[in-house]
C-alpha atoms as a PDB file:
ATOM      1  CA  MET A   1      11.915  19.804 -25.053  1.00  0.00           C
ATOM      2  CA  SER A   2       9.240  16.828 -24.930  1.00  0.00           C
ATOM      3  CA  PRO A   3      10.645  13.377 -25.748  1.00  0.00           C
ATOM      4  CA  LYS A   4       8.647  13.720 -29.187  1.00  0.00           C
ATOM      5  CA  GLU A   5      10.349  16.692 -30.263  1.00  0.00           C
ATOM      6  CA  SER A   6      14.170  15.274 -29.253  1.00  0.00           C
ATOM      7  CA  ARG A   7      13.935  11.549 -29.772  1.00  0.00           C
ATOM      8  CA  THR A   8      15.416   8.987 -32.218  1.00  0.00           C
ATOM      9  CA  SER A   9      14.067   5.508 -32.780  1.00  0.00           C
ATOM     10  CA  ARG A  10      17.211   4.070 -31.175  1.00  0.00           C
ATOM     11  CA  ASP A  11      17.809   6.863 -28.253  1.00  0.00           C
ATOM     12  CA  LEU A  12      14.401   6.292 -26.796  1.00  0.00           C
ATOM     13  CA  GLN A  13      12.828   3.210 -27.210  1.00  0.00           C
ATOM     14  CA  VAL A  14      12.535   0.878 -24.282  1.00  0.00           C
ATOM     15  CA  ILE A  15      11.938  -2.657 -24.320  1.00  0.00           C
ATOM     16  CA  THR A  16      10.371  -4.816 -21.434  1.00  0.00           C
ATOM     17  CA  ILE A  17       9.510  -8.212 -20.892  1.00  0.00           C
ATOM     18  CA  GLY A  18       6.693  -9.456 -18.060  1.00  0.00           C
ATOM     19  CA  GLU A  19       3.217 -10.837 -17.549  1.00  0.00           C
ATOM     20  CA  THR A  20       0.282  -9.136 -17.795  1.00  0.00           C
ATOM     21  CA  MET A  21      -3.240 -10.479 -16.488  1.00  0.00           C
ATOM     22  CA  MET A  22      -7.051  -9.393 -16.245  1.00  0.00           C
ATOM     23  CA  ALA A  23      -7.590  -7.619 -12.888  1.00  0.00           C
ATOM     24  CA  PHE A  24     -10.947  -7.464 -11.166  1.00  0.00           C
ATOM     25  CA  GLU A  25     -11.063  -4.900  -8.285  1.00  0.00           C
ATOM     26  CA  ALA A  26     -13.661  -5.197  -5.716  1.00  0.00           C
ATOM     27  CA  THR A  27     -15.842  -1.740  -5.854  1.00  0.00           C
ATOM     28  CA  GLU A  28     -16.721  -2.360  -1.952  1.00  0.00           C
ATOM     29  CA  PRO A  29     -14.858  -3.284   0.869  1.00  0.00           C
ATOM     30  CA  GLY A  30     -14.842  -6.801   2.740  1.00  0.00           C
ATOM     31  CA  PRO A  31     -13.651 -10.458   1.865  1.00  0.00           C
ATOM     32  CA  LEU A  32     -14.055 -11.384  -2.021  1.00  0.00           C
ATOM     33  CA  ARG A  33     -16.817 -14.315  -0.820  1.00  0.00           C
ATOM     34  CA  GLU A  34     -19.011 -11.254   0.349  1.00  0.00           C
ATOM     35  CA  VAL A  35     -18.644  -9.100  -3.013  1.00  0.00           C
ATOM     36  CA  ARG A  36     -20.804  -8.702  -5.722  1.00  0.00           C
ATOM     37  CA  ARG A  37     -19.450  -6.245  -8.410  1.00  0.00           C
ATOM     38  CA  PHE A  38     -15.722  -5.926  -9.713  1.00  0.00           C
ATOM     39  CA  LYS A  39     -13.838  -3.571 -11.990  1.00  0.00           C
ATOM     40  CA  LYS A  40     -12.060  -4.670 -14.750  1.00  0.00           C
ATOM     41  CA  TRP A  41      -8.639  -3.314 -15.590  1.00  0.00           C
ATOM     42  CA  ILE A  42      -5.410  -5.065 -17.088  1.00  0.00           C
ATOM     43  CA  GLY A  43      -2.893  -5.358 -14.597  1.00  0.00           C
ATOM     44  CA  GLY A  44       1.253  -6.235 -14.496  1.00  0.00           C
ATOM     45  CA  ALA A  45       4.195  -4.475 -13.399  1.00  0.00           C
ATOM     46  CA  GLU A  46       5.697  -4.111 -16.808  1.00  0.00           C
ATOM     47  CA  ASP A  47       2.366  -2.875 -18.723  1.00  0.00           C
ATOM     48  CA  ASN A  48       2.024  -0.164 -15.842  1.00  0.00           C
ATOM     49  CA  PHE A  49       5.681   0.722 -16.427  1.00  0.00           C
ATOM     50  CA  ALA A  50       5.065   1.001 -20.466  1.00  0.00           C
ATOM     51  CA  ILE A  51       2.003   2.338 -20.321  1.00  0.00           C
ATOM     52  CA  GLY A  52       3.726   5.174 -18.096  1.00  0.00           C
ATOM     53  CA  LEU A  53       6.242   5.730 -20.316  1.00  0.00           C
ATOM     54  CA  SER A  54       4.167   5.563 -23.537  1.00  0.00           C
ATOM     55  CA  ARG A  55       2.209   8.495 -22.006  1.00  0.00           C
ATOM     56  CA  LEU A  56       4.880  10.282 -21.580  1.00  0.00           C
ATOM     57  CA  GLY A  57       5.549  10.086 -25.514  1.00  0.00           C
ATOM     58  CA  PHE A  58       8.545   7.613 -25.440  1.00  0.00           C
ATOM     59  CA  ARG A  59       8.442   4.537 -27.808  1.00  0.00           C
ATOM     60  CA  CYS A  60       8.059   1.344 -25.487  1.00  0.00           C
ATOM     61  CA  GLY A  61       8.225  -2.497 -26.846  1.00  0.00           C
ATOM     62  CA  TRP A  62       6.698  -5.279 -24.398  1.00  0.00           C
ATOM     63  CA  ILE A  63       7.723  -8.869 -24.981  1.00  0.00           C
ATOM     64  CA  SER A  64       5.054 -11.257 -23.764  1.00  0.00           C
ATOM     65  CA  ARG A  65       2.487 -14.132 -24.309  1.00  0.00           C
ATOM     66  CA  VAL A  66      -1.021 -13.930 -23.586  1.00  0.00           C
ATOM     67  CA  GLY A  67      -4.196 -16.399 -24.343  1.00  0.00           C
ATOM     68  CA  GLU A  68      -6.034 -16.494 -27.472  1.00  0.00           C
ATOM     69  CA  ASP A  69      -8.733 -15.653 -25.577  1.00  0.00           C
ATOM     70  CA  GLU A  70     -11.087 -12.936 -24.554  1.00  0.00           C
ATOM     71  CA  PHE A  71      -8.885 -11.710 -21.666  1.00  0.00           C
ATOM     72  CA  GLY A  72      -5.480 -11.909 -24.544  1.00  0.00           C
ATOM     73  CA  HIS A  73      -7.249  -9.682 -26.880  1.00  0.00           C
ATOM     74  CA  GLU A  74      -8.236  -7.059 -24.461  1.00  0.00           C
ATOM     75  CA  ILE A  75      -4.947  -6.801 -23.200  1.00  0.00           C
ATOM     76  CA  LEU A  76      -3.404  -6.468 -26.594  1.00  0.00           C
ATOM     77  CA  ARG A  77      -6.166  -3.764 -27.813  1.00  0.00           C
ATOM     78  CA  THR A  78      -5.568  -1.946 -24.697  1.00  0.00           C
ATOM     79  CA  LEU A  79      -1.623  -1.613 -24.981  1.00  0.00           C
ATOM     80  CA  ARG A  80      -1.819  -1.217 -28.454  1.00  0.00           C
ATOM     81  CA  GLY A  81      -4.657   1.746 -27.427  1.00  0.00           C
ATOM     82  CA  GLU A  82      -1.592   3.253 -25.370  1.00  0.00           C
ATOM     83  CA  GLY A  83       0.883   3.122 -27.737  1.00  0.00           C
ATOM     84  CA  VAL A  84       2.831   0.281 -26.755  1.00  0.00           C
ATOM     85  CA  ASP A  85       4.320  -1.906 -29.421  1.00  0.00           C
ATOM     86  CA  THR A  86       2.878  -5.601 -29.252  1.00  0.00           C
ATOM     87  CA  SER A  87       4.721  -6.971 -32.122  1.00  0.00           C
ATOM     88  CA  HIS A  88       6.796  -9.390 -30.135  1.00  0.00           C
ATOM     89  CA  VAL A  89       3.374 -10.538 -27.964  1.00  0.00           C
ATOM     90  CA  MET A  90       2.923 -14.069 -28.890  1.00  0.00           C
ATOM     91  CA  GLN A  91      -1.334 -15.277 -28.413  1.00  0.00           C
ATOM     92  CA  ASP A  92      -0.675 -18.976 -27.386  1.00  0.00           C
ATOM     93  CA  PRO A  93      -3.655 -21.045 -28.452  1.00  0.00           C
ATOM     94  CA  GLU A  94      -2.433 -23.775 -25.464  1.00  0.00           C
ATOM     95  CA  ALA A  95      -2.474 -21.489 -22.712  1.00  0.00           C
ATOM     96  CA  GLN A  96      -4.738 -19.066 -20.739  1.00  0.00           C
ATOM     97  CA  THR A  97      -4.425 -15.580 -19.927  1.00  0.00           C
ATOM     98  CA  GLY A  98      -3.749 -14.957 -16.149  1.00  0.00           C
ATOM     99  CA  VAL A  99      -6.166 -13.035 -13.654  1.00  0.00           C
ATOM    100  CA  PHE A 100      -6.052 -11.613 -10.454  1.00  0.00           C
ATOM    101  CA  PHE A 101      -8.994 -10.031  -7.923  1.00  0.00           C
ATOM    102  CA  VAL A 102      -8.347  -7.157  -5.795  1.00  0.00           C
ATOM    103  CA  GLU A 103     -10.035  -7.032  -2.229  1.00  0.00           C
ATOM    104  CA  SER A 104     -10.594  -3.681  -1.176  1.00  0.00           C
ATOM    105  CA  ARG A 105      -9.669  -3.119   2.610  1.00  0.00           C
ATOM    106  CA  PRO A 106     -10.487  -0.184   4.445  1.00  0.00           C
ATOM    107  CA  GLU A 107      -7.153  -0.264   6.527  1.00  0.00           C
ATOM    108  CA  GLY A 108      -4.248  -1.000   4.682  1.00  0.00           C
ATOM    109  CA  ASP A 109      -3.155  -1.698   1.287  1.00  0.00           C
ATOM    110  CA  PRO A 110      -5.385  -4.255  -1.092  1.00  0.00           C
ATOM    111  CA  ARG A 111      -5.061  -7.501  -1.052  1.00  0.00           C
ATOM    112  CA  CYS A 112      -4.521  -9.290  -4.361  1.00  0.00           C
ATOM    113  CA  TYR A 113      -5.361 -13.115  -5.090  1.00  0.00           C
ATOM    114  CA  TYR A 114      -3.720 -14.572  -8.334  1.00  0.00           C
ATOM    115  CA  TYR A 115      -4.802 -17.064 -10.818  1.00  0.00           C
ATOM    116  CA  ARG A 116      -1.373 -17.452 -13.234  1.00  0.00           C
ATOM    117  CA  ARG A 117      -0.269 -20.854 -12.776  1.00  0.00           C
ATOM    118  CA  HIS A 118       0.553 -22.322 -16.084  1.00  0.00           C
ATOM    119  CA  SER A 119      -0.591 -19.173 -17.736  1.00  0.00           C
ATOM    120  CA  ALA A 120       0.490 -18.192 -21.310  1.00  0.00           C
ATOM    121  CA  ALA A 121       3.006 -15.762 -19.742  1.00  0.00           C
ATOM    122  CA  SER A 122       4.593 -18.198 -17.715  1.00  0.00           C
ATOM    123  CA  ARG A 123       5.441 -20.083 -20.963  1.00  0.00           C
ATOM    124  CA  LEU A 124       7.834 -17.394 -22.333  1.00  0.00           C
ATOM    125  CA  GLY A 125      11.234 -18.657 -23.008  1.00  0.00           C
ATOM    126  CA  VAL A 126      14.504 -18.027 -24.994  1.00  0.00           C
ATOM    127  CA  GLY A 127      12.364 -18.252 -28.334  1.00  0.00           C
ATOM    128  CA  ASP A 128      10.556 -15.638 -27.486  1.00  0.00           C
ATOM    129  CA  ILE A 129      13.313 -13.110 -27.402  1.00  0.00           C
ATOM    130  CA  ASP A 130      14.563 -11.476 -30.839  1.00  0.00           C
ATOM    131  CA  PRO A 131      18.189 -10.643 -30.712  1.00  0.00           C
ATOM    132  CA  GLU A 132      17.587  -7.614 -33.657  1.00  0.00           C
ATOM    133  CA  TYR A 133      14.629  -6.459 -31.714  1.00  0.00           C
ATOM    134  CA  ILE A 134      16.431  -6.166 -28.218  1.00  0.00           C
ATOM    135  CA  GLY A 135      19.036  -4.564 -30.465  1.00  0.00           C
ATOM    136  CA  SER A 136      16.668  -1.864 -30.959  1.00  0.00           C
ATOM    137  CA  GLY A 137      16.375  -0.268 -27.837  1.00  0.00           C
ATOM    138  CA  ARG A 138      18.196   1.945 -25.845  1.00  0.00           C
ATOM    139  CA  VAL A 139      17.194   0.578 -22.439  1.00  0.00           C
ATOM    140  CA  LEU A 140      15.981  -2.955 -21.331  1.00  0.00           C
ATOM    141  CA  PHE A 141      13.542  -2.910 -18.488  1.00  0.00           C
ATOM    142  CA  LEU A 142      13.115  -6.204 -16.377  1.00  0.00           C
ATOM    143  CA  THR A 143      11.392  -6.872 -13.058  1.00  0.00           C
ATOM    144  CA  GLY A 144      12.536 -10.072 -10.438  1.00  0.00           C
ATOM    145  CA  ILE A 145       8.525 -11.085 -11.286  1.00  0.00           C
ATOM    146  CA  THR A 146       9.242 -12.352 -14.549  1.00  0.00           C
ATOM    147  CA  PRO A 147      12.298 -15.016 -13.541  1.00  0.00           C
ATOM    148  CA  ALA A 148       9.649 -16.111 -10.792  1.00  0.00           C
ATOM    149  CA  MET A 149       7.351 -17.224 -13.009  1.00  0.00           C
ATOM    150  CA  SER A 150       8.959 -20.444 -14.462  1.00  0.00           C
ATOM    151  CA  ARG A 151      12.085 -22.022 -15.500  1.00  0.00           C
ATOM    152  CA  SER A 152      11.896 -20.955 -19.033  1.00  0.00           C
ATOM    153  CA  ALA A 153      10.859 -17.045 -18.220  1.00  0.00           C
ATOM    154  CA  ARG A 154      13.792 -17.012 -16.253  1.00  0.00           C
ATOM    155  CA  GLU A 155      16.022 -18.031 -18.938  1.00  0.00           C
ATOM    156  CA  ALA A 156      14.445 -15.571 -21.235  1.00  0.00           C
ATOM    157  CA  ALA A 157      15.001 -12.621 -18.802  1.00  0.00           C
ATOM    158  CA  GLU A 158      18.657 -13.658 -18.419  1.00  0.00           C
ATOM    159  CA  GLU A 159      18.913 -13.977 -22.187  1.00  0.00           C
ATOM    160  CA  LEU A 160      17.214 -10.266 -22.661  1.00  0.00           C
ATOM    161  CA  PHE A 161      19.888  -9.030 -20.387  1.00  0.00           C
ATOM    162  CA  ARG A 162      22.283 -10.874 -21.728  1.00  0.00           C
ATOM    163  CA  LEU A 163      21.672  -9.770 -25.203  1.00  0.00           C
ATOM    164  CA  GLY A 164      20.864  -5.926 -23.970  1.00  0.00           C
ATOM    165  CA  ARG A 165      24.294  -6.096 -22.391  1.00  0.00           C
ATOM    166  CA  SER A 166      26.067  -7.386 -25.849  1.00  0.00           C
ATOM    167  CA  HIS A 167      23.932  -4.604 -27.313  1.00  0.00           C
ATOM    168  CA  GLY A 168      24.858  -1.551 -25.161  1.00  0.00           C
ATOM    169  CA  CYS A 169      21.817  -1.284 -23.937  1.00  0.00           C
ATOM    170  CA  THR A 170      20.943   0.377 -19.964  1.00  0.00           C
ATOM    171  CA  LEU A 171      19.718  -2.363 -17.986  1.00  0.00           C
ATOM    172  CA  ILE A 172      17.526  -1.374 -15.173  1.00  0.00           C
ATOM    173  CA  PHE A 173      16.254  -3.713 -12.631  1.00  0.00           C
ATOM    174  CA  ASP A 174      13.463  -3.941 -10.573  1.00  0.00           C
ATOM    175  CA  PRO A 175      13.167  -6.548  -7.923  1.00  0.00           C
ATOM    176  CA  ASN A 176       9.582  -6.501  -7.280  1.00  0.00           C
ATOM    177  CA  LEU A 177      10.182  -9.331  -4.989  1.00  0.00           C
ATOM    178  CA  ARG A 178       7.337 -11.910  -4.567  1.00  0.00           C
ATOM    179  CA  LEU A 179       7.174 -14.371  -2.101  1.00  0.00           C
ATOM    180  CA  LYS A 180       3.870 -15.902  -3.349  1.00  0.00           C
ATOM    181  CA  LEU A 181       5.930 -17.389  -6.827  1.00  0.00           C
ATOM    182  CA  TRP A 182       9.285 -18.479  -5.008  1.00  0.00           C
ATOM    183  CA  GLU A 183      11.366 -18.544  -1.842  1.00  0.00           C
ATOM    184  CA  ILE A 184      13.450 -16.222  -0.523  1.00  0.00           C
ATOM    185  CA  ASP A 185      16.673 -18.521  -0.721  1.00  0.00           C
ATOM    186  CA  GLU A 186      15.989 -19.018  -5.008  1.00  0.00           C
ATOM    187  CA  ALA A 187      15.057 -15.588  -5.110  1.00  0.00           C
ATOM    188  CA  ARG A 188      18.693 -14.426  -3.662  1.00  0.00           C
ATOM    189  CA  ARG A 189      19.968 -17.321  -6.278  1.00  0.00           C
ATOM    190  CA  VAL A 190      18.630 -15.959  -9.254  1.00  0.00           C
ATOM    191  CA  LEU A 191      17.748 -11.886  -8.479  1.00  0.00           C
ATOM    192  CA  ILE A 192      21.171 -10.620  -6.941  1.00  0.00           C
ATOM    193  CA  PRO A 193      23.422 -11.850 -10.021  1.00  0.00           C
ATOM    194  CA  LEU A 194      20.769  -9.523 -12.315  1.00  0.00           C
ATOM    195  CA  MET A 195      21.208  -6.751  -9.874  1.00  0.00           C
ATOM    196  CA  GLN A 196      24.690  -6.891 -10.214  1.00  0.00           C
ATOM    197  CA  GLN A 197      24.610  -6.862 -13.896  1.00  0.00           C
ATOM    198  CA  SER A 198      22.001  -3.995 -13.666  1.00  0.00           C
ATOM    199  CA  ASP A 199      23.482  -0.273 -14.384  1.00  0.00           C
ATOM    200  CA  TYR A 200      20.424   0.576 -12.180  1.00  0.00           C
ATOM    201  CA  VAL A 201      18.404  -1.158  -9.630  1.00  0.00           C
ATOM    202  CA  LEU A 202      15.204  -0.082  -8.093  1.00  0.00           C
ATOM    203  CA  PRO A 203      14.575  -2.018  -4.832  1.00  0.00           C
ATOM    204  CA  GLY A 204      11.953  -1.145  -2.117  1.00  0.00           C
ATOM    205  CA  ALA A 205      13.765  -0.606   1.075  1.00  0.00           C
ATOM    206  CA  ASP A 206      12.307  -4.117   2.590  1.00  0.00           C
ATOM    207  CA  GLU A 207      12.939  -5.985  -0.473  1.00  0.00           C
ATOM    208  CA  LEU A 208      16.725  -4.674  -0.328  1.00  0.00           C
ATOM    209  CA  GLU A 209      16.722  -5.982   3.448  1.00  0.00           C
ATOM    210  CA  LEU A 210      15.183  -8.952   2.448  1.00  0.00           C
ATOM    211  CA  LEU A 211      17.305 -10.076  -0.186  1.00  0.00           C
ATOM    212  CA  MET A 212      20.806  -8.826   1.119  1.00  0.00           C
ATOM    213  CA  ASP A 213      19.489 -10.738   4.715  1.00  0.00           C
ATOM    214  CA  CYS A 214      19.921  -7.718   6.819  1.00  0.00           C
ATOM    215  CA  SER A 215      17.506  -6.324   9.140  1.00  0.00           C
ATOM    216  CA  HIS A 216      18.449  -2.570   8.835  1.00  0.00           C
ATOM    217  CA  LEU A 217      18.515  -0.513   5.762  1.00  0.00           C
ATOM    218  CA  LYS A 218      21.917   0.745   6.150  1.00  0.00           C
ATOM    219  CA  GLU A 219      23.180  -2.753   6.158  1.00  0.00           C
ATOM    220  CA  ALA A 220      21.391  -4.062   3.604  1.00  0.00           C
ATOM    221  CA  ILE A 221      22.922  -0.911   1.438  1.00  0.00           C
ATOM    222  CA  ASP A 222      26.464  -1.271   2.269  1.00  0.00           C
ATOM    223  CA  LYS A 223      25.831  -5.286   1.705  1.00  0.00           C
ATOM    224  CA  ALA A 224      24.883  -4.144  -1.555  1.00  0.00           C
ATOM    225  CA  LEU A 225      27.359  -2.183  -2.609  1.00  0.00           C
ATOM    226  CA  ASP A 226      29.957  -4.607  -1.244  1.00  0.00           C
ATOM    227  CA  LEU A 227      28.388  -6.743  -3.836  1.00  0.00           C
ATOM    228  CA  GLY A 228      28.874  -4.501  -6.758  1.00  0.00           C
ATOM    229  CA  ILE A 229      25.300  -3.230  -6.913  1.00  0.00           C
ATOM    230  CA  ALA A 230      25.589   0.403  -7.334  1.00  0.00           C
ATOM    231  CA  ASN A 231      23.095   2.840  -8.501  1.00  0.00           C
ATOM    232  CA  MET A 232      20.025   2.140  -6.428  1.00  0.00           C
ATOM    233  CA  ALA A 233      17.176   4.258  -6.451  1.00  0.00           C
ATOM    234  CA  ILE A 234      15.404   2.732  -2.979  1.00  0.00           C
ATOM    235  CA  LYS A 235      11.954   3.388  -2.496  1.00  0.00           C
ATOM    236  CA  LYS A 236      10.694   4.251   0.560  1.00  0.00           C
ATOM    237  CA  GLY A 237       6.623   4.726   0.255  1.00  0.00           C
ATOM    238  CA  ALA A 238       5.787   7.867   1.880  1.00  0.00           C
ATOM    239  CA  GLU A 239       8.930   8.955   2.881  1.00  0.00           C
ATOM    240  CA  GLY A 240      10.081   9.270  -1.300  1.00  0.00           C
ATOM    241  CA  ALA A 241      13.396   7.380  -1.879  1.00  0.00           C
ATOM    242  CA  LEU A 242      17.042   7.367  -1.456  1.00  0.00           C
ATOM    243  CA  TRP A 243      19.354   7.909  -4.561  1.00  0.00           C
ATOM    244  CA  VAL A 244      22.842   5.517  -3.666  1.00  0.00           C
ATOM    245  CA  THR A 245      25.618   5.318  -5.264  1.00  0.00           C
ATOM    246  CA  ASP A 246      29.393   4.358  -4.269  1.00  0.00           C
ATOM    247  CA  GLY A 247      30.186   6.848  -1.332  1.00  0.00           C
ATOM    248  CA  VAL A 248      26.784   8.782  -1.717  1.00  0.00           C
ATOM    249  CA  GLU A 249      23.252   8.589  -0.547  1.00  0.00           C
ATOM    250  CA  GLU A 250      20.909  11.680  -1.243  1.00  0.00           C
ATOM    251  CA  GLN A 251      17.234  11.497   0.040  1.00  0.00           C
ATOM    252  CA  ILE A 252      14.789  12.850  -2.560  1.00  0.00           C
ATOM    253  CA  PRO A 253      11.213  13.566  -0.691  1.00  0.00           C
ATOM    254  CA  ALA A 254       8.005  12.143  -1.998  1.00  0.00           C
ATOM    255  CA  PHE A 255       5.562  14.935  -3.275  1.00  0.00           C
ATOM    256  CA  ALA A 256       2.811  15.340  -0.694  1.00  0.00           C
ATOM    257  CA  LEU A 257      -0.773  14.797  -1.545  1.00  0.00           C
ATOM    258  CA  LYS A 258      -3.924  15.951  -0.114  1.00  0.00           C
ATOM    259  CA  ASN A 259      -6.074  12.729  -0.623  1.00  0.00           C
ATOM    260  CA  PRO A 260      -4.055   9.834  -1.962  1.00  0.00           C
ATOM    261  CA  VAL A 261      -6.466   7.052  -3.113  1.00  0.00           C
ATOM    262  CA  SER A 262      -4.418   3.652  -3.851  1.00  0.00           C
ATOM    263  CA  GLY A 263      -0.779   3.017  -4.036  1.00  0.00           C
ATOM    264  CA  MET A 264      -1.306  -0.171  -6.110  1.00  0.00           C
ATOM    265  CA  GLY A 265       1.247   0.351  -8.994  1.00  0.00           C
ATOM    266  CA  ALA A 266       2.955   3.469  -7.557  1.00  0.00           C
ATOM    267  CA  GLY A 267       6.324   1.325  -7.484  1.00  0.00           C
ATOM    268  CA  ASP A 268       6.203   0.652 -11.501  1.00  0.00           C
ATOM    269  CA  CYS A 269       4.929   4.105 -11.865  1.00  0.00           C
ATOM    270  CA  PHE A 270       8.526   5.225 -10.307  1.00  0.00           C
ATOM    271  CA  ALA A 271      10.309   3.385 -12.426  1.00  0.00           C
ATOM    272  CA  ALA A 272       8.545   4.498 -15.644  1.00  0.00           C
ATOM    273  CA  GLY A 273       9.313   8.245 -14.184  1.00  0.00           C
ATOM    274  CA  PHE A 274      12.890   7.210 -13.307  1.00  0.00           C
ATOM    275  CA  VAL A 275      13.267   6.029 -16.859  1.00  0.00           C
ATOM    276  CA  ALA A 276      12.234   9.237 -18.042  1.00  0.00           C
ATOM    277  CA  GLY A 277      14.265  11.159 -16.433  1.00  0.00           C
ATOM    278  CA  LEU A 278      17.271   8.932 -18.300  1.00  0.00           C
ATOM    279  CA  LEU A 279      16.191   9.278 -21.429  1.00  0.00           C
ATOM    280  CA  ASN A 280      16.159  12.894 -21.046  1.00  0.00           C
ATOM    281  CA  GLY A 281      19.770  13.508 -19.755  1.00  0.00           C
ATOM    282  CA  LYS A 282      18.867  13.938 -16.187  1.00  0.00           C
ATOM    283  CA  PRO A 283      21.365  13.471 -13.580  1.00  0.00           C
ATOM    284  CA  PRO A 284      20.339  10.794 -11.207  1.00  0.00           C
ATOM    285  CA  THR A 285      18.521  12.778  -8.424  1.00  0.00           C
ATOM    286  CA  GLU A 286      16.515  14.553 -10.783  1.00  0.00           C
ATOM    287  CA  CYS A 287      15.711  11.041 -12.496  1.00  0.00           C
ATOM    288  CA  VAL A 288      14.295   9.929  -8.521  1.00  0.00           C
ATOM    289  CA  ARG A 289      12.562  13.102  -8.064  1.00  0.00           C
ATOM    290  CA  TRP A 290      10.673  12.312 -11.739  1.00  0.00           C
ATOM    291  CA  GLY A 291       9.680   8.745 -10.173  1.00  0.00           C
ATOM    292  CA  ASN A 292       8.406  10.108  -7.282  1.00  0.00           C
ATOM    293  CA  ALA A 293       6.143  12.123  -9.070  1.00  0.00           C
ATOM    294  CA  LEU A 294       4.738   9.535 -11.548  1.00  0.00           C
ATOM    295  CA  GLY A 295       4.124   7.684  -8.108  1.00  0.00           C
ATOM    296  CA  ALA A 296       2.406  10.789  -6.375  1.00  0.00           C
ATOM    297  CA  PHE A 297       0.102  10.449  -9.855  1.00  0.00           C
ATOM    298  CA  CYS A 298      -0.532   7.007  -9.744  1.00  0.00           C
ATOM    299  CA  LEU A 299      -1.616   7.686  -5.794  1.00  0.00           C
ATOM    300  CA  MET A 300      -4.129   9.969  -6.783  1.00  0.00           C
ATOM    301  CA  GLY A 301      -6.696   7.498  -8.360  1.00  0.00           C
ATOM    302  CA  SER A 302      -7.968   3.719  -8.312  1.00  0.00           C
ATOM    303  CA  GLY A 303      -6.213   1.457 -11.070  1.00  0.00           C
ATOM    304  CA  PRO A 304      -2.192   1.476 -11.293  1.00  0.00           C
ATOM    305  CA  TYR A 305      -1.881   3.786 -14.397  1.00  0.00           C
ATOM    306  CA  GLN A 306      -5.297   5.323 -15.267  1.00  0.00           C
ATOM    307  CA  THR A 307      -4.175   8.687 -14.002  1.00  0.00           C
ATOM    308  CA  LEU A 308      -0.865   8.958 -15.404  1.00  0.00           C
ATOM    309  CA  PRO A 309      -0.195  12.158 -16.962  1.00  0.00           C
ATOM    310  CA  ASP A 310       1.233  13.370 -20.137  1.00  0.00           C
ATOM    311  CA  PHE A 311       4.756  14.571 -20.429  1.00  0.00           C
ATOM    312  CA  GLN A 312       3.293  18.624 -20.703  1.00  0.00           C
ATOM    313  CA  GLU A 313       1.406  17.492 -17.277  1.00  0.00           C
ATOM    314  CA  LEU A 314       4.423  15.783 -15.747  1.00  0.00           C
ATOM    315  CA  MET A 315       6.721  19.145 -16.508  1.00  0.00           C
ATOM    316  CA  ASP A 316       4.040  21.495 -15.020  1.00  0.00           C
ATOM    317  CA  PHE A 317       3.365  19.320 -11.743  1.00  0.00           C
ATOM    318  CA  LEU A 318       7.515  18.980 -11.381  1.00  0.00           C
ATOM    319  CA  GLN A 319       7.228  22.821 -11.745  1.00  0.00           C
ATOM    320  CA  GLY A 320       5.136  23.310  -9.330  1.00  0.00           C
ATOM    321  CA  GLU A 321       2.356  25.060 -12.136  1.00  0.00           C
ATOM    322  CA  GLU A 322      -0.530  22.353 -11.531  1.00  0.00           C
ATOM    323  CA  PRO A 323      -1.088  20.068  -8.631  1.00  0.00           C
ATOM    324  CA  VAL A 324      -2.278  16.507  -8.929  1.00  0.00           C
ATOM    325  CA  THR A 325      -6.304  16.951  -8.226  1.00  0.00           C
ATOM    326  CA  ARG A 326      -7.211  13.385  -9.690  1.00  0.00           C
END
């Protein structure tokens, strides 16, 4: 049954908070100083997540700030066009929308250069969190990027979780560790308590090792479990993902792809697939499989959300009836 056939406003609403920027991706490889042409799209972990779920038919709300500028207008127009609720996004006349540039590299992942300091989204604060709006959601999704942006954004993220817990929401956290924004010691002090509060945590394997200050994944998993961080879907790239709960570990393989294009945003799309599975009442290992599937769709095109499927396309793919060819 598709989400549009089964949902209610409470049962299938997801709320997230975070920054969306304007991205300029080089259309040719090489250092940015030599590149003359770029293509433009909106970029941010939370909007990739929200667009992924919205395309599957789920009602998603996004809390943020953008500048009262051309890029802010474009971000709002794009997300509204994707069906994401932006009623709790403020256009800030005193700060600009953040931007970043993506350098294409023949070998390895793309390299990103961010210009987000003092951006509108960095001015997020507790005053941007509407308790009634939070109470309307079933699932709250937070990444570690938001509390890294500024002290006020950190307070907003923590308030989101506090209100979500009081309203009985499911709390899902992706550490999305960004060491360009803060030092690892500070990240641990802030992110580990958020992980401990979460119902589900979606770290990358390398992120978990860094946050747990461990050199091996097994050691990091054991330490996380000892800290009360259970129900982890650990992303392992081309190997798929590992579902971990107390006393149980299960590897869920990735989907084989013939011609992957770009992995940018694949982790965000994994989160969208995982949450879609939860909202459809699937067991956790199947939710991980859904996450792997949306990650596969992301890998088949340039840009983090452009190739994501609708609900029927996802179902066909999961059933092996239609290969991803984009």
